[in-house]
Amino acid sequence: MSVVVVIDLIAKDDHLEPLIEQLHKILPDTKAYDGCLFLKMAVYKGKNVVALYEEWETKEHQEAYAAWRIENGHELIEPHIETFQATYADVLNTY
């Protein structure tokens, strides 16, 4: 069963644009990572928040990616993030 992950990255004041720039650099690797089915980046209008919408083949694929990302590129976005929130949901159906 695939899993959807929504990650809200809350940028530090005046760090939204640098955060977006760094995400543009590292997200192609996310999309290419084994098990990634879908990836979208969105910005909440008028807020310092970037949302990542991801779908993974399995939770295990997503967990392997998350561990890999900590060692590969996370340091590029970490200085720009105040905090983040991740929400996980199992996919029941696709229409």
PDB file of N, CA and C in Angstrom:
ATOM      1  N   MET A   1       0.839  -1.172   0.000  1.00  0.00           N
ATOM      2  CA  MET A   1       0.000   0.000   0.000  1.00  0.00           C
ATOM      3  C   MET A   1       0.889   1.242   0.000  1.00  0.00           C
ATOM      4  N   SER A   2       0.568   2.191  -0.867  1.00  0.00           N
ATOM      5  CA  SER A   2       1.370   3.411  -0.910  1.00  0.00           C
ATOM      6  C   SER A   2       1.019   4.322   0.250  1.00  0.00           C
ATOM      7  N   VAL A   3       1.907   5.267   0.496  1.00  0.00           N
ATOM      8  CA  VAL A   3       1.728   6.210   1.593  1.00  0.00           C
ATOM      9  C   VAL A   3       1.938   7.627   1.069  1.00  0.00           C
ATOM     10  N   VAL A   4       1.095   8.538   1.531  1.00  0.00           N
ATOM     11  CA  VAL A   4       1.217   9.957   1.203  1.00  0.00           C
ATOM     12  C   VAL A   4       1.810  10.664   2.407  1.00  0.00           C
ATOM     13  N   VAL A   5       2.762  11.546   2.130  1.00  0.00           N
ATOM     14  CA  VAL A   5       3.384  12.337   3.179  1.00  0.00           C
ATOM     15  C   VAL A   5       3.233  13.804   2.803  1.00  0.00           C
ATOM     16  N   VAL A   6       2.745  14.595   3.734  1.00  0.00           N
ATOM     17  CA  VAL A   6       2.683  16.041   3.550  1.00  0.00           C
ATOM     18  C   VAL A   6       3.610  16.650   4.590  1.00  0.00           C
ATOM     19  N   ILE A   7       4.598  17.392   4.114  1.00  0.00           N
ATOM     20  CA  ILE A   7       5.576  18.013   5.006  1.00  0.00           C
ATOM     21  C   ILE A   7       5.446  19.523   4.866  1.00  0.00           C
ATOM     22  N   ASP A   8       5.163  20.184   5.970  1.00  0.00           N
ATOM     23  CA  ASP A   8       5.135  21.644   6.006  1.00  0.00           C
ATOM     24  C   ASP A   8       6.441  22.120   6.616  1.00  0.00           C
ATOM     25  N   LEU A   9       7.229  22.839   5.807  1.00  0.00           N
ATOM     26  CA  LEU A   9       8.484  23.416   6.266  1.00  0.00           C
ATOM     27  C   LEU A   9       8.229  24.884   6.587  1.00  0.00           C
ATOM     28  N   ILE A  10       8.338  25.265   7.844  1.00  0.00           N
ATOM     29  CA  ILE A  10       8.117  26.646   8.248  1.00  0.00           C
ATOM     30  C   ILE A  10       9.471  27.344   8.224  1.00  0.00           C
ATOM     31  N   ALA A  11       9.590  28.317   7.327  1.00  0.00           N
ATOM     32  CA  ALA A  11      10.860  29.016   7.140  1.00  0.00           C
ATOM     33  C   ALA A  11      11.062  30.067   8.221  1.00  0.00           C
ATOM     34  N   LYS A  12      12.306  30.299   8.552  1.00  0.00           N
ATOM     35  CA  LYS A  12      12.655  31.413   9.432  1.00  0.00           C
ATOM     36  C   LYS A  12      12.312  32.710   8.708  1.00  0.00           C
ATOM     37  N   ASP A  13      12.146  33.783   9.468  1.00  0.00           N
ATOM     38  CA  ASP A  13      11.881  35.089   8.862  1.00  0.00           C
ATOM     39  C   ASP A  13      12.960  35.409   7.832  1.00  0.00           C
ATOM     40  N   ASP A  14      12.547  35.887   6.674  1.00  0.00           N
ATOM     41  CA  ASP A  14      13.432  36.268   5.567  1.00  0.00           C
ATOM     42  C   ASP A  14      14.209  35.093   4.975  1.00  0.00           C
ATOM     43  N   HIS A  15      13.766  33.868   5.214  1.00  0.00           N
ATOM     44  CA  HIS A  15      14.462  32.695   4.679  1.00  0.00           C
ATOM     45  C   HIS A  15      13.612  31.907   3.690  1.00  0.00           C
ATOM     46  N   LEU A  16      12.435  32.405   3.346  1.00  0.00           N
ATOM     47  CA  LEU A  16      11.573  31.645   2.450  1.00  0.00           C
ATOM     48  C   LEU A  16      12.219  31.444   1.082  1.00  0.00           C
ATOM     49  N   GLU A  17      12.698  32.507   0.475  1.00  0.00           N
ATOM     50  CA  GLU A  17      13.310  32.391  -0.858  1.00  0.00           C
ATOM     51  C   GLU A  17      14.563  31.515  -0.845  1.00  0.00           C
ATOM     52  N   PRO A  18      15.480  31.687   0.121  1.00  0.00           N
ATOM     53  CA  PRO A  18      16.632  30.765   0.158  1.00  0.00           C
ATOM     54  C   PRO A  18      16.215  29.305   0.360  1.00  0.00           C
ATOM     55  N   LEU A  19      15.168  29.076   1.156  1.00  0.00           N
ATOM     56  CA  LEU A  19      14.682  27.713   1.353  1.00  0.00           C
ATOM     57  C   LEU A  19      14.188  27.133   0.030  1.00  0.00           C
ATOM     58  N   ILE A  20      13.395  27.907  -0.692  1.00  0.00           N
ATOM     59  CA  ILE A  20      12.885  27.450  -1.988  1.00  0.00           C
ATOM     60  C   ILE A  20      14.033  27.165  -2.956  1.00  0.00           C
ATOM     61  N   GLU A  21      15.035  28.032  -2.981  1.00  0.00           N
ATOM     62  CA  GLU A  21      16.197  27.827  -3.861  1.00  0.00           C
ATOM     63  C   GLU A  21      16.894  26.507  -3.546  1.00  0.00           C
ATOM     64  N   GLN A  22      17.099  26.222  -2.263  1.00  0.00           N
ATOM     65  CA  GLN A  22      17.774  24.982  -1.886  1.00  0.00           C
ATOM     66  C   GLN A  22      16.907  23.759  -2.194  1.00  0.00           C
ATOM     67  N   LEU A  23      15.602  23.889  -1.994  1.00  0.00           N
ATOM     68  CA  LEU A  23      14.712  22.774  -2.328  1.00  0.00           C
ATOM     69  C   LEU A  23      14.754  22.464  -3.818  1.00  0.00           C
ATOM     70  N   HIS A  24      14.833  23.500  -4.655  1.00  0.00           N
ATOM     71  CA  HIS A  24      14.951  23.266  -6.096  1.00  0.00           C
ATOM     72  C   HIS A  24      16.210  22.455  -6.418  1.00  0.00           C
ATOM     73  N   LYS A  25      17.249  22.605  -5.617  1.00  0.00           N
ATOM     74  CA  LYS A  25      18.492  21.861  -5.836  1.00  0.00           C
ATOM     75  C   LYS A  25      18.379  20.393  -5.424  1.00  0.00           C
ATOM     76  N   ILE A  26      17.661  20.127  -4.319  1.00  0.00           N
ATOM     77  CA  ILE A  26      17.674  18.760  -3.785  1.00  0.00           C
ATOM     78  C   ILE A  26      16.454  17.916  -4.143  1.00  0.00           C
ATOM     79  N   LEU A  27      15.358  18.547  -4.522  1.00  0.00           N
ATOM     80  CA  LEU A  27      14.148  17.757  -4.796  1.00  0.00           C
ATOM     81  C   LEU A  27      14.234  16.848  -6.022  1.00  0.00           C
ATOM     82  N   PRO A  28      15.047  17.173  -7.049  1.00  0.00           N
ATOM     83  CA  PRO A  28      15.185  16.185  -8.131  1.00  0.00           C
ATOM     84  C   PRO A  28      15.720  14.832  -7.625  1.00  0.00           C
ATOM     85  N   ASP A  29      16.592  14.869  -6.609  1.00  0.00           N
ATOM     86  CA  ASP A  29      17.075  13.614  -6.020  1.00  0.00           C
ATOM     87  C   ASP A  29      15.963  12.872  -5.286  1.00  0.00           C
ATOM     88  N   THR A  30      15.061  13.636  -4.681  1.00  0.00           N
ATOM     89  CA  THR A  30      13.919  13.006  -4.002  1.00  0.00           C
ATOM     90  C   THR A  30      13.055  12.289  -5.022  1.00  0.00           C
ATOM     91  N   LYS A  31      12.718  12.967  -6.094  1.00  0.00           N
ATOM     92  CA  LYS A  31      11.862  12.379  -7.129  1.00  0.00           C
ATOM     93  C   LYS A  31      12.507  11.140  -7.739  1.00  0.00           C
ATOM     94  N   ALA A  32      13.828  11.146  -7.850  1.00  0.00           N
ATOM     95  CA  ALA A  32      14.542  10.020  -8.456  1.00  0.00           C
ATOM     96  C   ALA A  32      14.767   8.873  -7.466  1.00  0.00           C
ATOM     97  N   TYR A  33      14.523   9.098  -6.196  1.00  0.00           N
ATOM     98  CA  TYR A  33      14.791   8.078  -5.185  1.00  0.00           C
ATOM     99  C   TYR A  33      13.841   6.892  -5.361  1.00  0.00           C
ATOM    100  N   ASP A  34      14.366   5.710  -5.146  1.00  0.00           N
ATOM    101  CA  ASP A  34      13.587   4.486  -5.307  1.00  0.00           C
ATOM    102  C   ASP A  34      12.310   4.536  -4.474  1.00  0.00           C
ATOM    103  N   GLY A  35      11.175   4.350  -5.132  1.00  0.00           N
ATOM    104  CA  GLY A  35       9.897   4.293  -4.446  1.00  0.00           C
ATOM    105  C   GLY A  35       9.098   5.576  -4.474  1.00  0.00           C
ATOM    106  N   CYS A  36       9.698   6.680  -4.924  1.00  0.00           N
ATOM    107  CA  CYS A  36       8.952   7.940  -4.987  1.00  0.00           C
ATOM    108  C   CYS A  36       8.043   7.921  -6.213  1.00  0.00           C
ATOM    109  N   LEU A  37       6.747   8.034  -5.968  1.00  0.00           N
ATOM    110  CA  LEU A  37       5.757   8.006  -7.043  1.00  0.00           C
ATOM    111  C   LEU A  37       5.324   9.404  -7.472  1.00  0.00           C
ATOM    112  N   PHE A  38       5.372  10.358  -6.537  1.00  0.00           N
ATOM    113  CA  PHE A  38       4.798  11.669  -6.787  1.00  0.00           C
ATOM    114  C   PHE A  38       5.463  12.673  -5.854  1.00  0.00           C
ATOM    115  N   LEU A  39       5.745  13.856  -6.373  1.00  0.00           N
ATOM    116  CA  LEU A  39       6.332  14.912  -5.552  1.00  0.00           C
ATOM    117  C   LEU A  39       5.891  16.264  -6.089  1.00  0.00           C
ATOM    118  N   LYS A  40       5.321  17.077  -5.225  1.00  0.00           N
ATOM    119  CA  LYS A  40       4.944  18.452  -5.564  1.00  0.00           C
ATOM    120  C   LYS A  40       5.426  19.353  -4.440  1.00  0.00           C
ATOM    121  N   MET A  41       5.854  20.559  -4.826  1.00  0.00           N
ATOM    122  CA  MET A  41       6.204  21.579  -3.850  1.00  0.00           C
ATOM    123  C   MET A  41       5.229  22.735  -4.033  1.00  0.00           C
ATOM    124  N   ALA A  42       4.696  23.236  -2.919  1.00  0.00           N
ATOM    125  CA  ALA A  42       3.766  24.360  -2.957  1.00  0.00           C
ATOM    126  C   ALA A  42       4.142  25.339  -1.857  1.00  0.00           C
ATOM    127  N   VAL A  43       3.754  26.603  -2.059  1.00  0.00           N
ATOM    128  CA  VAL A  43       3.999  27.634  -1.052  1.00  0.00           C
ATOM    129  C   VAL A  43       2.644  28.181  -0.622  1.00  0.00           C
ATOM    130  N   TYR A  44       2.438  28.244   0.678  1.00  0.00           N
ATOM    131  CA  TYR A  44       1.212  28.846   1.199  1.00  0.00           C
ATOM    132  C   TYR A  44       1.306  30.352   1.005  1.00  0.00           C
ATOM    133  N   LYS A  45       0.370  30.908   0.257  1.00  0.00           N
ATOM    134  CA  LYS A  45       0.380  32.329  -0.056  1.00  0.00           C
ATOM    135  C   LYS A  45       0.309  33.164   1.224  1.00  0.00           C
ATOM    136  N   GLY A  46       1.228  34.119   1.335  1.00  0.00           N
ATOM    137  CA  GLY A  46       1.250  35.020   2.480  1.00  0.00           C
ATOM    138  C   GLY A  46       1.823  34.423   3.748  1.00  0.00           C
ATOM    139  N   LYS A  47       2.383  33.217   3.655  1.00  0.00           N
ATOM    140  CA  LYS A  47       2.966  32.578   4.838  1.00  0.00           C
ATOM    141  C   LYS A  47       4.399  32.172   4.534  1.00  0.00           C
ATOM    142  N   ASN A  48       5.127  31.872   5.564  1.00  0.00           N
ATOM    143  CA  ASN A  48       6.508  31.410   5.437  1.00  0.00           C
ATOM    144  C   ASN A  48       6.552  29.883   5.416  1.00  0.00           C
ATOM    145  N   VAL A  49       5.662  29.268   4.647  1.00  0.00           N
ATOM    146  CA  VAL A  49       5.531  27.811   4.688  1.00  0.00           C
ATOM    147  C   VAL A  49       5.621  27.228   3.280  1.00  0.00           C
ATOM    148  N   VAL A  50       6.479  26.232   3.153  1.00  0.00           N
ATOM    149  CA  VAL A  50       6.570  25.441   1.934  1.00  0.00           C
ATOM    150  C   VAL A  50       6.025  24.058   2.262  1.00  0.00           C
ATOM    151  N   ALA A  51       5.124  23.574   1.426  1.00  0.00           N
ATOM    152  CA  ALA A  51       4.560  22.241   1.614  1.00  0.00           C
ATOM    153  C   ALA A  51       5.115  21.302   0.553  1.00  0.00           C
ATOM    154  N   LEU A  52       5.515  20.129   0.990  1.00  0.00           N
ATOM    155  CA  LEU A  52       5.940  19.071   0.080  1.00  0.00           C
ATOM    156  C   LEU A  52       4.884  17.975   0.140  1.00  0.00           C
ATOM    157  N   TYR A  53       4.353  17.624  -1.019  1.00  0.00           N
ATOM    158  CA  TYR A  53       3.363  16.548  -1.137  1.00  0.00           C
ATOM    159  C   TYR A  53       4.046  15.384  -1.833  1.00  0.00           C
ATOM    160  N   GLU A  54       4.171  14.275  -1.129  1.00  0.00           N
ATOM    161  CA  GLU A  54       4.898  13.123  -1.652  1.00  0.00           C
ATOM    162  C   GLU A  54       4.022  11.873  -1.578  1.00  0.00           C
ATOM    163  N   GLU A  55       4.183  10.994  -2.560  1.00  0.00           N
ATOM    164  CA  GLU A  55       3.590   9.660  -2.473  1.00  0.00           C
ATOM    165  C   GLU A  55       4.696   8.648  -2.698  1.00  0.00           C
ATOM    166  N   TRP A  56       4.732   7.648  -1.831  1.00  0.00           N
ATOM    167  CA  TRP A  56       5.757   6.607  -1.868  1.00  0.00           C
ATOM    168  C   TRP A  56       5.107   5.244  -2.044  1.00  0.00           C
ATOM    169  N   GLU A  57       5.814   4.336  -2.728  1.00  0.00           N
ATOM    170  CA  GLU A  57       5.287   2.983  -2.952  1.00  0.00           C
ATOM    171  C   GLU A  57       4.897   2.323  -1.640  1.00  0.00           C
ATOM    172  N   THR A  58       5.753   2.463  -0.622  1.00  0.00           N
ATOM    173  CA  THR A  58       5.496   1.882   0.693  1.00  0.00           C
ATOM    174  C   THR A  58       6.073   2.812   1.762  1.00  0.00           C
ATOM    175  N   LYS A  59       5.640   2.607   2.988  1.00  0.00           N
ATOM    176  CA  LYS A  59       6.203   3.373   4.104  1.00  0.00           C
ATOM    177  C   LYS A  59       7.693   3.075   4.246  1.00  0.00           C
ATOM    178  N   GLU A  60       8.096   1.843   3.942  1.00  0.00           N
ATOM    179  CA  GLU A  60       9.516   1.468   4.031  1.00  0.00           C
ATOM    180  C   GLU A  60      10.358   2.266   3.038  1.00  0.00           C
ATOM    181  N   HIS A  61       9.828   2.487   1.824  1.00  0.00           N
ATOM    182  CA  HIS A  61      10.544   3.317   0.849  1.00  0.00           C
ATOM    183  C   HIS A  61      10.729   4.731   1.395  1.00  0.00           C
ATOM    184  N   GLN A  62       9.664   5.282   1.967  1.00  0.00           N
ATOM    185  CA  GLN A  62       9.737   6.643   2.495  1.00  0.00           C
ATOM    186  C   GLN A  62      10.708   6.717   3.669  1.00  0.00           C
ATOM    187  N   GLU A  63      10.688   5.738   4.541  1.00  0.00           N
ATOM    188  CA  GLU A  63      11.587   5.729   5.687  1.00  0.00           C
ATOM    189  C   GLU A  63      13.046   5.619   5.253  1.00  0.00           C
ATOM    190  N   ALA A  64      13.322   4.788   4.240  1.00  0.00           N
ATOM    191  CA  ALA A  64      14.683   4.673   3.713  1.00  0.00           C
ATOM    192  C   ALA A  64      15.129   6.006   3.120  1.00  0.00           C
ATOM    193  N   TYR A  65      14.230   6.646   2.378  1.00  0.00           N
ATOM    194  CA  TYR A  65      14.557   7.953   1.808  1.00  0.00           C
ATOM    195  C   TYR A  65      14.838   8.968   2.917  1.00  0.00           C
ATOM    196  N   ALA A  66      13.986   9.034   3.936  1.00  0.00           N
ATOM    197  CA  ALA A  66      14.162  10.017   5.010  1.00  0.00           C
ATOM    198  C   ALA A  66      15.514   9.843   5.693  1.00  0.00           C
ATOM    199  N   ALA A  67      15.925   8.615   5.931  1.00  0.00           N
ATOM    200  CA  ALA A  67      17.235   8.355   6.533  1.00  0.00           C
ATOM    201  C   ALA A  67      18.356   8.811   5.599  1.00  0.00           C
ATOM    202  N   TRP A  68      18.190   8.530   4.312  1.00  0.00           N
ATOM    203  CA  TRP A  68      19.187   8.940   3.319  1.00  0.00           C
ATOM    204  C   TRP A  68      19.276  10.461   3.239  1.00  0.00           C
ATOM    205  N   ARG A  69      18.125  11.133   3.263  1.00  0.00           N
ATOM    206  CA  ARG A  69      18.100  12.589   3.116  1.00  0.00           C
ATOM    207  C   ARG A  69      18.826  13.290   4.257  1.00  0.00           C
ATOM    208  N   ILE A  70      18.733  12.763   5.453  1.00  0.00           N
ATOM    209  CA  ILE A  70      19.437  13.366   6.597  1.00  0.00           C
ATOM    210  C   ILE A  70      20.937  13.453   6.304  1.00  0.00           C
ATOM    211  N   GLU A  71      21.465  12.473   5.582  1.00  0.00           N
ATOM    212  CA  GLU A  71      22.887  12.428   5.256  1.00  0.00           C
ATOM    213  C   GLU A  71      23.215  13.091   3.916  1.00  0.00           C
ATOM    214  N   ASN A  72      22.199  13.442   3.120  1.00  0.00           N
ATOM    215  CA  ASN A  72      22.430  13.909   1.749  1.00  0.00           C
ATOM    216  C   ASN A  72      21.540  15.095   1.400  1.00  0.00           C
ATOM    217  N   GLY A  73      21.959  16.276   1.788  1.00  0.00           N
ATOM    218  CA  GLY A  73      21.264  17.476   1.358  1.00  0.00           C
ATOM    219  C   GLY A  73      20.449  18.178   2.422  1.00  0.00           C
ATOM    220  N   HIS A  74      20.160  17.493   3.519  1.00  0.00           N
ATOM    221  CA  HIS A  74      19.378  18.130   4.573  1.00  0.00           C
ATOM    222  C   HIS A  74      20.089  19.367   5.116  1.00  0.00           C
ATOM    223  N   GLU A  75      21.403  19.328   5.129  1.00  0.00           N
ATOM    224  CA  GLU A  75      22.175  20.455   5.659  1.00  0.00           C
ATOM    225  C   GLU A  75      21.982  21.731   4.825  1.00  0.00           C
ATOM    226  N   LEU A  76      21.527  21.587   3.581  1.00  0.00           N
ATOM    227  CA  LEU A  76      21.283  22.754   2.729  1.00  0.00           C
ATOM    228  C   LEU A  76      20.009  23.494   3.108  1.00  0.00           C
ATOM    229  N   ILE A  77      19.031  22.767   3.645  1.00  0.00           N
ATOM    230  CA  ILE A  77      17.766  23.425   3.994  1.00  0.00           C
ATOM    231  C   ILE A  77      17.642  23.720   5.487  1.00  0.00           C
ATOM    232  N   GLU A  78      18.356  22.978   6.306  1.00  0.00           N
ATOM    233  CA  GLU A  78      18.228  23.123   7.761  1.00  0.00           C
ATOM    234  C   GLU A  78      18.433  24.557   8.259  1.00  0.00           C
ATOM    235  N   PRO A  79      19.405  25.327   7.755  1.00  0.00           N
ATOM    236  CA  PRO A  79      19.591  26.691   8.264  1.00  0.00           C
ATOM    237  C   PRO A  79      18.404  27.622   7.994  1.00  0.00           C
ATOM    238  N   HIS A  80      17.530  27.244   7.077  1.00  0.00           N
ATOM    239  CA  HIS A  80      16.414  28.102   6.676  1.00  0.00           C
ATOM    240  C   HIS A  80      15.093  27.719   7.342  1.00  0.00           C
ATOM    241  N   ILE A  81      15.084  26.617   8.095  1.00  0.00           N
ATOM    242  CA  ILE A  81      13.837  26.088   8.648  1.00  0.00           C
ATOM    243  C   ILE A  81      13.723  26.424  10.135  1.00  0.00           C
ATOM    244  N   GLU A  82      12.592  27.013  10.485  1.00  0.00           N
ATOM    245  CA  GLU A  82      12.272  27.241  11.900  1.00  0.00           C
ATOM    246  C   GLU A  82      11.810  25.929  12.532  1.00  0.00           C
ATOM    247  N   THR A  83      10.887  25.263  11.844  1.00  0.00           N
ATOM    248  CA  THR A  83      10.358  23.981  12.304  1.00  0.00           C
ATOM    249  C   THR A  83       9.664  23.297  11.126  1.00  0.00           C
ATOM    250  N   PHE A  84       9.225  22.073  11.330  1.00  0.00           N
ATOM    251  CA  PHE A  84       8.475  21.381  10.279  1.00  0.00           C
ATOM    252  C   PHE A  84       7.469  20.433  10.910  1.00  0.00           C
ATOM    253  N   GLN A  85       6.509  20.066  10.097  1.00  0.00           N
ATOM    254  CA  GLN A  85       5.494  19.111  10.535  1.00  0.00           C
ATOM    255  C   GLN A  85       5.257  18.138   9.392  1.00  0.00           C
ATOM    256  N   ALA A  86       5.235  16.853   9.700  1.00  0.00           N
ATOM    257  CA  ALA A  86       4.972  15.829   8.695  1.00  0.00           C
ATOM    258  C   ALA A  86       3.723  15.059   9.070  1.00  0.00           C
ATOM    259  N   THR A  87       2.883  14.791   8.071  1.00  0.00           N
ATOM    260  CA  THR A  87       1.669  14.021   8.249  1.00  0.00           C
ATOM    261  C   THR A  87       1.704  12.855   7.271  1.00  0.00           C
ATOM    262  N   TYR A  88       1.375  11.665   7.742  1.00  0.00           N
ATOM    263  CA  TYR A  88       1.407  10.449   6.929  1.00  0.00           C
ATOM    264  C   TYR A  88      -0.007   9.882   6.811  1.00  0.00           C
ATOM    265  N   ALA A  89      -0.330   9.356   5.630  1.00  0.00           N
ATOM    266  CA  ALA A  89      -1.622   8.706   5.426  1.00  0.00           C
ATOM    267  C   ALA A  89      -1.458   7.564   4.433  1.00  0.00           C
ATOM    268  N   ASP A  90      -2.107   6.450   4.715  1.00  0.00           N
ATOM    269  CA  ASP A  90      -2.118   5.327   3.772  1.00  0.00           C
ATOM    270  C   ASP A  90      -3.110   5.637   2.651  1.00  0.00           C
ATOM    271  N   VAL A  91      -2.732   5.335   1.429  1.00  0.00           N
ATOM    272  CA  VAL A  91      -3.603   5.563   0.275  1.00  0.00           C
ATOM    273  C   VAL A  91      -4.596   4.416   0.183  1.00  0.00           C
ATOM    274  N   LEU A  92      -5.868   4.751   0.147  1.00  0.00           N
ATOM    275  CA  LEU A  92      -6.903   3.729   0.041  1.00  0.00           C
ATOM    276  C   LEU A  92      -7.312   3.496  -1.403  1.00  0.00           C
ATOM    277  N   ASN A  93      -7.330   4.578  -2.191  1.00  0.00           N
ATOM    278  CA  ASN A  93      -7.773   4.470  -3.572  1.00  0.00           C
ATOM    279  C   ASN A  93      -7.292   5.684  -4.349  1.00  0.00           C
ATOM    280  N   THR A  94      -7.199   5.539  -5.649  1.00  0.00           N
ATOM    281  CA  THR A  94      -6.844   6.647  -6.536  1.00  0.00           C
ATOM    282  C   THR A  94      -7.957   6.791  -7.565  1.00  0.00           C
ATOM    283  N   TYR A  95      -8.398   7.996  -7.780  1.00  0.00           N
ATOM    284  CA  TYR A  95      -9.479   8.253  -8.742  1.00  0.00           C
ATOM    285  C   TYR A  95      -8.965   9.026  -9.921  1.00  0.00           C
TER     286      TYR A  95
END
